[in-house]
């Protein structure tokens, strides 16, 4: 039987954003020779710090700010933060200092989260995706965590998210968390972690806003004060947000798995040339790592191919998933 392609979470988002970029990045495996630290790099570091903080049970590991500091090392990078709730202005902060300050504030704010009994952390998984009774892909990824909330006794998937601005309205349709939730209960029961009949009730989203702490004095309600002690009219948006859990149903589980199957069908059609790899131009395109060759391709020039060969390297984009799943 022919080997079916691997599917990872990051490529689902990339494909829906721009099929042409997906083709270069995941079909041909191109990566820039010199990768700059960016928002993805920043998020990975925060996830790494939190993964080592939330150990199984109620134990906690090294302070996440210390883990972050070691993870960054000598990397020099900057991250854009926003000054107020209007998000119409921004400032670039030293990413190392920003991450450390955020995580110091995070632990001060939540403490050791004694109500969180951790069941699983950074669990890799491998699930076959079928379509019309035939395997079309192997979905391989890892979720951030699974916990039992001692406050209500229910089990939840945890999704850590870093963002310049925190938006929660889309969470009921969040593909990433929804796809993890759709498979996590079965995976953990198969491993003997969950007992028969135990289900993951929903998803807890744990947002950390990319911002330096506001150093102004605060009153008992936590509101920032002016120099004269009056409450400032300009209050920062919250640095940390945990909305009410998003609860999922069996029907939504079916919908999530069918959506993955549908996406794979379209990906495979692009992969084998049945349909073209289309583009979705937006104002964010200049930040894409394939901006240069994309512009040349848009001009109708084949020189984009030589740019890819000269300025990019080809790797196996699924190598880490092959090893871990």
C-alpha atoms as a PDB file:
ATOM      1  CA  UNK A   1       0.000   0.000   0.000  1.00  0.00           C
ATOM      2  CA  UNK A   2       1.321   3.454  -0.945  1.00  0.00           C
ATOM      3  CA  UNK A   3       2.420   5.626   1.963  1.00  0.00           C
ATOM      4  CA  UNK A   4      -0.151   8.294   2.756  1.00  0.00           C
ATOM      5  CA  UNK A   5       1.071  11.837   3.413  1.00  0.00           C
ATOM      6  CA  UNK A   6       1.637  13.215   6.899  1.00  0.00           C
ATOM      7  CA  UNK A   7      -0.504  16.168   7.958  1.00  0.00           C
ATOM      8  CA  UNK A   8       0.549  18.608  10.670  1.00  0.00           C
ATOM      9  CA  UNK A   9      -1.378  21.421  12.328  1.00  0.00           C
ATOM     10  CA  UNK A  10       0.843  24.237  11.078  1.00  0.00           C
ATOM     11  CA  UNK A  11       0.410  23.257   7.447  1.00  0.00           C
ATOM     12  CA  UNK A  12      -3.383  23.273   7.738  1.00  0.00           C
ATOM     13  CA  UNK A  13      -3.245  26.950   8.674  1.00  0.00           C
ATOM     14  CA  UNK A  14      -0.672  27.670   5.961  1.00  0.00           C
ATOM     15  CA  UNK A  15      -2.699  25.910   3.262  1.00  0.00           C
ATOM     16  CA  UNK A  16      -5.871  27.821   4.105  1.00  0.00           C
ATOM     17  CA  UNK A  17      -3.908  31.063   4.172  1.00  0.00           C
ATOM     18  CA  UNK A  18      -2.101  30.515   0.837  1.00  0.00           C
ATOM     19  CA  UNK A  19      -1.889  27.281  -1.146  1.00  0.00           C
ATOM     20  CA  UNK A  20       1.109  28.565  -3.131  1.00  0.00           C
ATOM     21  CA  UNK A  21       3.139  29.088   0.035  1.00  0.00           C
ATOM     22  CA  UNK A  22       2.035  25.651   1.294  1.00  0.00           C
ATOM     23  CA  UNK A  23       3.295  24.087  -1.947  1.00  0.00           C
ATOM     24  CA  UNK A  24       6.784  25.585  -1.488  1.00  0.00           C
ATOM     25  CA  UNK A  25       6.982  24.962   2.257  1.00  0.00           C
ATOM     26  CA  UNK A  26       5.393  21.527   2.669  1.00  0.00           C
ATOM     27  CA  UNK A  27       5.371  19.911  -0.772  1.00  0.00           C
ATOM     28  CA  UNK A  28       8.907  20.935  -1.729  1.00  0.00           C
ATOM     29  CA  UNK A  29      10.248  21.540   1.802  1.00  0.00           C
ATOM     30  CA  UNK A  30      11.821  24.950   1.177  1.00  0.00           C
ATOM     31  CA  UNK A  31      12.990  27.003   4.166  1.00  0.00           C
ATOM     32  CA  UNK A  32      14.973  30.283   4.088  1.00  0.00           C
ATOM     33  CA  UNK A  33      18.689  29.709   4.701  1.00  0.00           C
ATOM     34  CA  UNK A  34      18.691  32.428   7.338  1.00  0.00           C
ATOM     35  CA  UNK A  35      15.561  32.208   9.475  1.00  0.00           C
ATOM     36  CA  UNK A  36      14.830  35.294  11.538  1.00  0.00           C
ATOM     37  CA  UNK A  37      13.239  35.067  14.960  1.00  0.00           C
ATOM     38  CA  UNK A  38       9.578  35.987  14.583  1.00  0.00           C
ATOM     39  CA  UNK A  39       6.177  35.633  16.249  1.00  0.00           C
ATOM     40  CA  UNK A  40       6.286  31.861  15.747  1.00  0.00           C
ATOM     41  CA  UNK A  41       9.724  31.702  17.401  1.00  0.00           C
ATOM     42  CA  UNK A  42       8.415  33.758  20.308  1.00  0.00           C
ATOM     43  CA  UNK A  43       5.357  31.535  20.760  1.00  0.00           C
ATOM     44  CA  UNK A  44       7.416  28.347  20.671  1.00  0.00           C
ATOM     45  CA  UNK A  45       9.642  29.669  23.455  1.00  0.00           C
ATOM     46  CA  UNK A  46       6.670  30.588  25.659  1.00  0.00           C
ATOM     47  CA  UNK A  47       5.152  27.142  25.072  1.00  0.00           C
ATOM     48  CA  UNK A  48       8.454  25.505  26.002  1.00  0.00           C
ATOM     49  CA  UNK A  49       8.604  27.503  29.246  1.00  0.00           C
ATOM     50  CA  UNK A  50       5.026  26.607  30.208  1.00  0.00           C
ATOM     51  CA  UNK A  51       5.517  22.933  29.311  1.00  0.00           C
ATOM     52  CA  UNK A  52       8.342  22.697  31.835  1.00  0.00           C
ATOM     53  CA  UNK A  53       6.358  24.647  34.449  1.00  0.00           C
ATOM     54  CA  UNK A  54       3.185  22.527  34.396  1.00  0.00           C
ATOM     55  CA  UNK A  55       4.425  19.090  35.402  1.00  0.00           C
ATOM     56  CA  UNK A  56       2.056  16.162  35.897  1.00  0.00           C
ATOM     57  CA  UNK A  57      -0.213  16.341  38.893  1.00  0.00           C
ATOM     58  CA  UNK A  58       0.042  19.509  40.947  1.00  0.00           C
ATOM     59  CA  UNK A  59       3.843  19.659  40.747  1.00  0.00           C
ATOM     60  CA  UNK A  60       5.469  22.634  39.124  1.00  0.00           C
ATOM     61  CA  UNK A  61       8.879  22.767  37.522  1.00  0.00           C
ATOM     62  CA  UNK A  62      11.409  25.570  37.105  1.00  0.00           C
ATOM     63  CA  UNK A  63      10.041  29.089  36.907  1.00  0.00           C
ATOM     64  CA  UNK A  64       8.979  29.653  33.275  1.00  0.00           C
ATOM     65  CA  UNK A  65      10.993  32.888  33.116  1.00  0.00           C
ATOM     66  CA  UNK A  66      14.155  30.890  33.872  1.00  0.00           C
ATOM     67  CA  UNK A  67      13.325  28.321  31.190  1.00  0.00           C
ATOM     68  CA  UNK A  68      12.642  31.130  28.726  1.00  0.00           C
ATOM     69  CA  UNK A  69      15.985  32.768  29.489  1.00  0.00           C
ATOM     70  CA  UNK A  70      17.851  29.506  28.787  1.00  0.00           C
ATOM     71  CA  UNK A  71      15.796  28.819  25.674  1.00  0.00           C
ATOM     72  CA  UNK A  72      16.540  32.229  24.150  1.00  0.00           C
ATOM     73  CA  UNK A  73      20.268  32.039  24.867  1.00  0.00           C
ATOM     74  CA  UNK A  74      22.167  34.559  22.763  1.00  0.00           C
ATOM     75  CA  UNK A  75      19.350  35.055  20.246  1.00  0.00           C
ATOM     76  CA  UNK A  76      18.755  38.689  19.346  1.00  0.00           C
ATOM     77  CA  UNK A  77      15.176  39.388  18.337  1.00  0.00           C
ATOM     78  CA  UNK A  78      12.436  41.941  18.716  1.00  0.00           C
ATOM     79  CA  UNK A  79       8.695  41.525  19.141  1.00  0.00           C
ATOM     80  CA  UNK A  80       5.981  44.078  18.409  1.00  0.00           C
ATOM     81  CA  UNK A  81       3.697  45.015  21.294  1.00  0.00           C
ATOM     82  CA  UNK A  82       0.812  47.449  21.443  1.00  0.00           C
ATOM     83  CA  UNK A  83       0.541  50.414  23.766  1.00  0.00           C
ATOM     84  CA  UNK A  84      -3.196  50.455  24.436  1.00  0.00           C
ATOM     85  CA  UNK A  85      -6.521  48.855  23.644  1.00  0.00           C
ATOM     86  CA  UNK A  86      -6.872  50.712  20.320  1.00  0.00           C
ATOM     87  CA  UNK A  87      -3.980  48.761  18.765  1.00  0.00           C
ATOM     88  CA  UNK A  88      -3.318  51.682  16.430  1.00  0.00           C
ATOM     89  CA  UNK A  89       0.264  52.096  17.564  1.00  0.00           C
ATOM     90  CA  UNK A  90       2.979  49.675  18.445  1.00  0.00           C
ATOM     91  CA  UNK A  91       6.489  49.448  19.776  1.00  0.00           C
ATOM     92  CA  UNK A  92       9.226  46.903  19.223  1.00  0.00           C
ATOM     93  CA  UNK A  93      10.571  45.344  22.425  1.00  0.00           C
ATOM     94  CA  UNK A  94      13.631  43.200  23.043  1.00  0.00           C
ATOM     95  CA  UNK A  95      12.056  39.737  22.736  1.00  0.00           C
ATOM     96  CA  UNK A  96      14.218  38.213  25.450  1.00  0.00           C
ATOM     97  CA  UNK A  97      13.262  40.880  27.989  1.00  0.00           C
ATOM     98  CA  UNK A  98       9.640  40.838  26.865  1.00  0.00           C
ATOM     99  CA  UNK A  99       9.218  37.085  27.320  1.00  0.00           C
ATOM    100  CA  UNK A 100      10.933  37.115  30.693  1.00  0.00           C
ATOM    101  CA  UNK A 101       8.769  39.995  31.952  1.00  0.00           C
ATOM    102  CA  UNK A 102       5.586  38.361  30.679  1.00  0.00           C
ATOM    103  CA  UNK A 103       6.334  35.052  32.403  1.00  0.00           C
ATOM    104  CA  UNK A 104       7.344  36.723  35.671  1.00  0.00           C
ATOM    105  CA  UNK A 105       4.029  38.568  35.621  1.00  0.00           C
ATOM    106  CA  UNK A 106       2.173  35.376  34.628  1.00  0.00           C
ATOM    107  CA  UNK A 107       3.336  33.467  37.711  1.00  0.00           C
ATOM    108  CA  UNK A 108       2.651  36.487  39.929  1.00  0.00           C
ATOM    109  CA  UNK A 109      -0.874  36.620  38.507  1.00  0.00           C
ATOM    110  CA  UNK A 110      -1.843  32.915  38.548  1.00  0.00           C
ATOM    111  CA  UNK A 111       0.541  31.515  41.138  1.00  0.00           C
ATOM    112  CA  UNK A 112       0.943  27.754  40.894  1.00  0.00           C
ATOM    113  CA  UNK A 113      -2.594  27.173  39.559  1.00  0.00           C
ATOM    114  CA  UNK A 114      -3.420  24.768  42.420  1.00  0.00           C
ATOM    115  CA  UNK A 115      -6.779  23.921  40.805  1.00  0.00           C
ATOM    116  CA  UNK A 116      -4.999  22.466  37.759  1.00  0.00           C
ATOM    117  CA  UNK A 117      -4.115  18.770  38.089  1.00  0.00           C
ATOM    118  CA  UNK A 118      -2.065  18.080  34.971  1.00  0.00           C
ATOM    119  CA  UNK A 119      -2.733  14.803  33.160  1.00  0.00           C
ATOM    120  CA  UNK A 120      -0.699  15.172  29.963  1.00  0.00           C
ATOM    121  CA  UNK A 121       1.850  17.689  28.650  1.00  0.00           C
ATOM    122  CA  UNK A 122       3.067  18.151  25.054  1.00  0.00           C
ATOM    123  CA  UNK A 123       1.696  14.752  24.036  1.00  0.00           C
ATOM    124  CA  UNK A 124       2.609  13.728  20.472  1.00  0.00           C
ATOM    125  CA  UNK A 125       0.006  11.700  18.607  1.00  0.00           C
ATOM    126  CA  UNK A 126      -0.546  10.027  15.263  1.00  0.00           C
ATOM    127  CA  UNK A 127      -4.077   9.469  13.911  1.00  0.00           C
ATOM    128  CA  UNK A 128      -5.082   8.073  10.528  1.00  0.00           C
ATOM    129  CA  UNK A 129      -7.536  10.241   8.591  1.00  0.00           C
ATOM    130  CA  UNK A 130      -9.982   8.331   6.388  1.00  0.00           C
ATOM    131  CA  UNK A 131     -12.141   9.509   3.506  1.00  0.00           C
ATOM    132  CA  UNK A 132     -14.760   7.217   2.004  1.00  0.00           C
ATOM    133  CA  UNK A 133     -13.233   4.332   3.919  1.00  0.00           C
ATOM    134  CA  UNK A 134      -9.724   4.951   2.590  1.00  0.00           C
ATOM    135  CA  UNK A 135      -6.735   6.398   4.467  1.00  0.00           C
ATOM    136  CA  UNK A 136      -5.818   9.783   2.962  1.00  0.00           C
ATOM    137  CA  UNK A 137      -3.364  11.128   5.562  1.00  0.00           C
ATOM    138  CA  UNK A 138      -1.787  10.562   8.948  1.00  0.00           C
ATOM    139  CA  UNK A 139      -2.480  13.526  11.223  1.00  0.00           C
ATOM    140  CA  UNK A 140       0.530  14.031  13.487  1.00  0.00           C
ATOM    141  CA  UNK A 141       0.911  16.799  16.006  1.00  0.00           C
ATOM    142  CA  UNK A 142       1.026  17.454  19.755  1.00  0.00           C
ATOM    143  CA  UNK A 143      -1.267  19.273  22.152  1.00  0.00           C
ATOM    144  CA  UNK A 144      -0.160  21.663  24.896  1.00  0.00           C
ATOM    145  CA  UNK A 145      -1.789  19.910  27.837  1.00  0.00           C
ATOM    146  CA  UNK A 146      -4.698  18.048  29.346  1.00  0.00           C
ATOM    147  CA  UNK A 147      -5.786  18.677  32.943  1.00  0.00           C
ATOM    148  CA  UNK A 148      -8.452  17.957  35.489  1.00  0.00           C
ATOM    149  CA  UNK A 149      -9.866  21.145  36.941  1.00  0.00           C
ATOM    150  CA  UNK A 150     -10.231  20.384  40.651  1.00  0.00           C
ATOM    151  CA  UNK A 151     -12.764  23.213  40.922  1.00  0.00           C
ATOM    152  CA  UNK A 152     -15.398  21.305  38.916  1.00  0.00           C
ATOM    153  CA  UNK A 153     -13.818  17.851  38.544  1.00  0.00           C
ATOM    154  CA  UNK A 154     -13.973  17.937  34.730  1.00  0.00           C
ATOM    155  CA  UNK A 155     -11.184  17.194  32.257  1.00  0.00           C
ATOM    156  CA  UNK A 156     -10.069  19.848  29.756  1.00  0.00           C
ATOM    157  CA  UNK A 157      -7.626  20.283  26.917  1.00  0.00           C
ATOM    158  CA  UNK A 158      -5.410  23.354  27.452  1.00  0.00           C
ATOM    159  CA  UNK A 159      -4.290  25.615  24.622  1.00  0.00           C
ATOM    160  CA  UNK A 160      -1.612  28.233  25.421  1.00  0.00           C
ATOM    161  CA  UNK A 161      -1.706  31.190  23.036  1.00  0.00           C
ATOM    162  CA  UNK A 162       0.475  34.293  22.742  1.00  0.00           C
ATOM    163  CA  UNK A 163      -0.895  37.284  20.853  1.00  0.00           C
ATOM    164  CA  UNK A 164      -0.268  40.991  20.397  1.00  0.00           C
ATOM    165  CA  UNK A 165      -3.989  41.462  20.944  1.00  0.00           C
ATOM    166  CA  UNK A 166      -6.313  38.940  22.545  1.00  0.00           C
ATOM    167  CA  UNK A 167      -9.380  38.013  20.501  1.00  0.00           C
ATOM    168  CA  UNK A 168     -11.733  35.301  21.758  1.00  0.00           C
ATOM    169  CA  UNK A 169     -14.824  35.538  19.544  1.00  0.00           C
ATOM    170  CA  UNK A 170     -13.572  32.843  17.136  1.00  0.00           C
ATOM    171  CA  UNK A 171     -12.799  30.142  19.704  1.00  0.00           C
ATOM    172  CA  UNK A 172     -15.928  28.064  19.133  1.00  0.00           C
ATOM    173  CA  UNK A 173     -14.682  27.491  15.573  1.00  0.00           C
ATOM    174  CA  UNK A 174     -10.972  27.251  16.395  1.00  0.00           C
ATOM    175  CA  UNK A 175      -9.544  24.534  14.151  1.00  0.00           C
ATOM    176  CA  UNK A 176      -6.351  23.909  16.079  1.00  0.00           C
ATOM    177  CA  UNK A 177      -7.824  23.352  19.520  1.00  0.00           C
ATOM    178  CA  UNK A 178     -10.870  21.639  18.023  1.00  0.00           C
ATOM    179  CA  UNK A 179      -8.807  19.098  16.106  1.00  0.00           C
ATOM    180  CA  UNK A 180      -6.732  18.251  19.192  1.00  0.00           C
ATOM    181  CA  UNK A 181      -9.903  17.861  21.255  1.00  0.00           C
ATOM    182  CA  UNK A 182     -11.401  15.594  18.577  1.00  0.00           C
ATOM    183  CA  UNK A 183      -8.654  12.987  19.016  1.00  0.00           C
ATOM    184  CA  UNK A 184      -7.286  13.534  22.547  1.00  0.00           C
ATOM    185  CA  UNK A 185      -9.821  11.438  24.509  1.00  0.00           C
ATOM    186  CA  UNK A 186      -9.310   8.368  22.305  1.00  0.00           C
ATOM    187  CA  UNK A 187      -5.527   8.748  22.314  1.00  0.00           C
ATOM    188  CA  UNK A 188      -5.336   9.040  26.106  1.00  0.00           C
ATOM    189  CA  UNK A 189      -7.733   6.132  26.668  1.00  0.00           C
ATOM    190  CA  UNK A 190      -5.654   3.981  24.333  1.00  0.00           C
ATOM    191  CA  UNK A 191      -2.588   4.860  26.424  1.00  0.00           C
ATOM    192  CA  UNK A 192      -4.427   4.030  29.649  1.00  0.00           C
ATOM    193  CA  UNK A 193      -4.223   7.612  30.893  1.00  0.00           C
ATOM    194  CA  UNK A 194      -8.003   8.096  30.856  1.00  0.00           C
ATOM    195  CA  UNK A 195     -10.370   5.451  32.139  1.00  0.00           C
ATOM    196  CA  UNK A 196     -13.130   3.985  30.007  1.00  0.00           C
ATOM    197  CA  UNK A 197     -15.977   6.469  29.899  1.00  0.00           C
ATOM    198  CA  UNK A 198     -13.817   9.481  30.789  1.00  0.00           C
ATOM    199  CA  UNK A 199     -14.099  12.294  28.258  1.00  0.00           C
ATOM    200  CA  UNK A 200     -12.408  15.637  27.724  1.00  0.00           C
ATOM    201  CA  UNK A 201     -15.262  18.051  28.326  1.00  0.00           C
ATOM    202  CA  UNK A 202     -13.880  21.069  26.505  1.00  0.00           C
ATOM    203  CA  UNK A 203     -10.970  23.408  25.927  1.00  0.00           C
ATOM    204  CA  UNK A 204      -9.403  25.991  28.246  1.00  0.00           C
ATOM    205  CA  UNK A 205      -7.670  28.740  26.272  1.00  0.00           C
ATOM    206  CA  UNK A 206      -4.817  30.372  28.164  1.00  0.00           C
ATOM    207  CA  UNK A 207      -3.931  33.700  26.501  1.00  0.00           C
ATOM    208  CA  UNK A 208      -0.774  35.693  27.205  1.00  0.00           C
ATOM    209  CA  UNK A 209      -0.674  39.135  25.626  1.00  0.00           C
ATOM    210  CA  UNK A 210       2.687  40.209  24.258  1.00  0.00           C
ATOM    211  CA  UNK A 211       3.255  43.322  26.332  1.00  0.00           C
ATOM    212  CA  UNK A 212       5.590  44.679  28.974  1.00  0.00           C
ATOM    213  CA  UNK A 213       3.870  45.053  32.378  1.00  0.00           C
ATOM    214  CA  UNK A 214       2.432  48.486  33.061  1.00  0.00           C
ATOM    215  CA  UNK A 215       4.636  49.907  35.824  1.00  0.00           C
ATOM    216  CA  UNK A 216       2.182  52.557  37.023  1.00  0.00           C
ATOM    217  CA  UNK A 217       0.886  52.209  40.601  1.00  0.00           C
ATOM    218  CA  UNK A 218      -2.492  50.517  40.976  1.00  0.00           C
ATOM    219  CA  UNK A 219      -5.379  50.738  43.411  1.00  0.00           C
ATOM    220  CA  UNK A 220      -7.047  47.812  45.206  1.00  0.00           C
ATOM    221  CA  UNK A 221      -9.152  47.063  42.125  1.00  0.00           C
ATOM    222  CA  UNK A 222      -5.998  46.770  40.017  1.00  0.00           C
ATOM    223  CA  UNK A 223      -6.645  49.981  38.069  1.00  0.00           C
ATOM    224  CA  UNK A 224      -3.634  52.067  37.032  1.00  0.00           C
ATOM    225  CA  UNK A 225      -3.310  55.434  38.729  1.00  0.00           C
ATOM    226  CA  UNK A 226      -2.093  58.867  37.659  1.00  0.00           C
ATOM    227  CA  UNK A 227       0.704  60.622  39.531  1.00  0.00           C
ATOM    228  CA  UNK A 228      -1.879  62.473  41.626  1.00  0.00           C
ATOM    229  CA  UNK A 229      -3.441  59.165  42.734  1.00  0.00           C
ATOM    230  CA  UNK A 230      -6.555  59.443  40.567  1.00  0.00           C
ATOM    231  CA  UNK A 231      -7.645  56.553  38.364  1.00  0.00           C
ATOM    232  CA  UNK A 232      -6.204  56.900  34.881  1.00  0.00           C
ATOM    233  CA  UNK A 233      -8.639  57.068  31.968  1.00  0.00           C
ATOM    234  CA  UNK A 234      -6.147  55.048  29.936  1.00  0.00           C
ATOM    235  CA  UNK A 235      -6.142  51.497  31.256  1.00  0.00           C
ATOM    236  CA  UNK A 236      -4.140  48.728  29.533  1.00  0.00           C
ATOM    237  CA  UNK A 237      -5.967  45.669  28.219  1.00  0.00           C
ATOM    238  CA  UNK A 238      -5.478  42.575  30.408  1.00  0.00           C
ATOM    239  CA  UNK A 239      -2.179  40.768  29.999  1.00  0.00           C
ATOM    240  CA  UNK A 240      -3.725  37.361  30.665  1.00  0.00           C
ATOM    241  CA  UNK A 241      -7.132  36.030  29.694  1.00  0.00           C
ATOM    242  CA  UNK A 242      -8.754  32.658  30.340  1.00  0.00           C
ATOM    243  CA  UNK A 243     -12.252  32.794  28.841  1.00  0.00           C
ATOM    244  CA  UNK A 244     -14.924  30.365  29.956  1.00  0.00           C
ATOM    245  CA  UNK A 245     -14.076  26.882  28.658  1.00  0.00           C
ATOM    246  CA  UNK A 246     -15.284  26.068  25.159  1.00  0.00           C
ATOM    247  CA  UNK A 247     -17.355  22.896  25.440  1.00  0.00           C
ATOM    248  CA  UNK A 248     -17.499  20.497  22.524  1.00  0.00           C
ATOM    249  CA  UNK A 249     -20.043  17.866  21.501  1.00  0.00           C
ATOM    250  CA  UNK A 250     -19.889  14.524  19.691  1.00  0.00           C
ATOM    251  CA  UNK A 251     -21.379  16.280  16.668  1.00  0.00           C
ATOM    252  CA  UNK A 252     -18.544  18.798  16.673  1.00  0.00           C
ATOM    253  CA  UNK A 253     -16.020  15.984  16.947  1.00  0.00           C
ATOM    254  CA  UNK A 254     -17.454  14.483  13.751  1.00  0.00           C
ATOM    255  CA  UNK A 255     -17.387  17.906  12.071  1.00  0.00           C
ATOM    256  CA  UNK A 256     -13.735  18.453  13.020  1.00  0.00           C
ATOM    257  CA  UNK A 257     -12.621  15.100  11.609  1.00  0.00           C
ATOM    258  CA  UNK A 258     -14.634  15.599   8.433  1.00  0.00           C
ATOM    259  CA  UNK A 259     -13.094  19.050   7.964  1.00  0.00           C
ATOM    260  CA  UNK A 260      -9.596  17.593   8.244  1.00  0.00           C
ATOM    261  CA  UNK A 261     -10.560  14.957   5.669  1.00  0.00           C
ATOM    262  CA  UNK A 262     -11.925  17.644   3.325  1.00  0.00           C
ATOM    263  CA  UNK A 263      -8.773  19.752   3.657  1.00  0.00           C
ATOM    264  CA  UNK A 264      -6.561  16.759   2.936  1.00  0.00           C
ATOM    265  CA  UNK A 265      -8.586  15.995  -0.213  1.00  0.00           C
ATOM    266  CA  UNK A 266      -7.916  19.518  -1.525  1.00  0.00           C
ATOM    267  CA  UNK A 267      -4.245  19.383  -0.448  1.00  0.00           C
ATOM    268  CA  UNK A 268      -3.742  16.103  -2.271  1.00  0.00           C
ATOM    269  CA  UNK A 269      -5.354  17.574  -5.393  1.00  0.00           C
ATOM    270  CA  UNK A 270      -2.831  20.436  -5.284  1.00  0.00           C
ATOM    271  CA  UNK A 271      -0.051  18.001  -4.441  1.00  0.00           C
ATOM    272  CA  UNK A 272      -0.640  15.877  -7.531  1.00  0.00           C
ATOM    273  CA  UNK A 273      -1.397  18.823  -9.832  1.00  0.00           C
ATOM    274  CA  UNK A 274      -5.105  18.125 -10.285  1.00  0.00           C
ATOM    275  CA  UNK A 275      -5.899  21.696  -9.250  1.00  0.00           C
ATOM    276  CA  UNK A 276      -3.569  24.729  -9.184  1.00  0.00           C
ATOM    277  CA  UNK A 277      -1.980  26.210  -6.074  1.00  0.00           C
ATOM    278  CA  UNK A 278      -3.776  29.530  -5.720  1.00  0.00           C
ATOM    279  CA  UNK A 279      -2.608  32.608  -3.817  1.00  0.00           C
ATOM    280  CA  UNK A 280      -4.434  34.819  -1.338  1.00  0.00           C
ATOM    281  CA  UNK A 281      -2.714  38.235  -1.511  1.00  0.00           C
ATOM    282  CA  UNK A 282      -3.165  40.505   1.519  1.00  0.00           C
ATOM    283  CA  UNK A 283      -1.309  43.382   3.172  1.00  0.00           C
ATOM    284  CA  UNK A 284       0.551  40.824   5.306  1.00  0.00           C
ATOM    285  CA  UNK A 285       2.247  39.194   2.305  1.00  0.00           C
ATOM    286  CA  UNK A 286       5.569  41.103   2.669  1.00  0.00           C
ATOM    287  CA  UNK A 287       6.063  39.314   6.013  1.00  0.00           C
ATOM    288  CA  UNK A 288       5.818  35.900   4.334  1.00  0.00           C
ATOM    289  CA  UNK A 289       9.170  34.045   4.075  1.00  0.00           C
ATOM    290  CA  UNK A 290       8.380  33.422   0.384  1.00  0.00           C
ATOM    291  CA  UNK A 291       7.645  37.050  -0.497  1.00  0.00           C
ATOM    292  CA  UNK A 292      10.657  37.424  -2.832  1.00  0.00           C
ATOM    293  CA  UNK A 293      10.097  34.366  -5.027  1.00  0.00           C
ATOM    294  CA  UNK A 294       6.328  34.950  -4.915  1.00  0.00           C
ATOM    295  CA  UNK A 295       6.718  38.419  -6.469  1.00  0.00           C
ATOM    296  CA  UNK A 296       8.918  36.999  -9.233  1.00  0.00           C
ATOM    297  CA  UNK A 297       6.394  34.244  -9.846  1.00  0.00           C
ATOM    298  CA  UNK A 298       3.646  36.877  -9.981  1.00  0.00           C
ATOM    299  CA  UNK A 299       5.608  38.727 -12.668  1.00  0.00           C
ATOM    300  CA  UNK A 300       5.562  35.596 -14.774  1.00  0.00           C
ATOM    301  CA  UNK A 301       9.281  34.958 -14.388  1.00  0.00           C
ATOM    302  CA  UNK A 302      10.735  31.488 -13.907  1.00  0.00           C
ATOM    303  CA  UNK A 303      13.642  33.088 -12.026  1.00  0.00           C
ATOM    304  CA  UNK A 304      11.713  32.463  -8.793  1.00  0.00           C
ATOM    305  CA  UNK A 305      12.890  28.855  -9.066  1.00  0.00           C
ATOM    306  CA  UNK A 306      16.564  29.845  -9.051  1.00  0.00           C
ATOM    307  CA  UNK A 307      15.902  32.180  -6.098  1.00  0.00           C
ATOM    308  CA  UNK A 308      14.375  29.266  -4.196  1.00  0.00           C
ATOM    309  CA  UNK A 309      17.341  27.028  -5.013  1.00  0.00           C
ATOM    310  CA  UNK A 310      19.894  29.722  -4.121  1.00  0.00           C
ATOM    311  CA  UNK A 311      18.403  31.333  -1.004  1.00  0.00           C
ATOM    312  CA  UNK A 312      16.475  28.440   0.508  1.00  0.00           C
ATOM    313  CA  UNK A 313      17.312  24.954   1.692  1.00  0.00           C
ATOM    314  CA  UNK A 314      15.140  21.884   1.232  1.00  0.00           C
ATOM    315  CA  UNK A 315      14.329  19.847   4.324  1.00  0.00           C
ATOM    316  CA  UNK A 316      11.844  17.201   5.388  1.00  0.00           C
ATOM    317  CA  UNK A 317       9.061  19.351   6.921  1.00  0.00           C
ATOM    318  CA  UNK A 318       7.737  16.307   8.803  1.00  0.00           C
ATOM    319  CA  UNK A 319      11.000  15.000  10.266  1.00  0.00           C
ATOM    320  CA  UNK A 320      10.230  15.893  13.888  1.00  0.00           C
ATOM    321  CA  UNK A 321       6.752  14.375  13.583  1.00  0.00           C
ATOM    322  CA  UNK A 322       8.172  11.133  12.181  1.00  0.00           C
ATOM    323  CA  UNK A 323      10.421  10.829  15.248  1.00  0.00           C
ATOM    324  CA  UNK A 324       7.949  11.822  17.957  1.00  0.00           C
ATOM    325  CA  UNK A 325       4.613  10.334  16.948  1.00  0.00           C
END
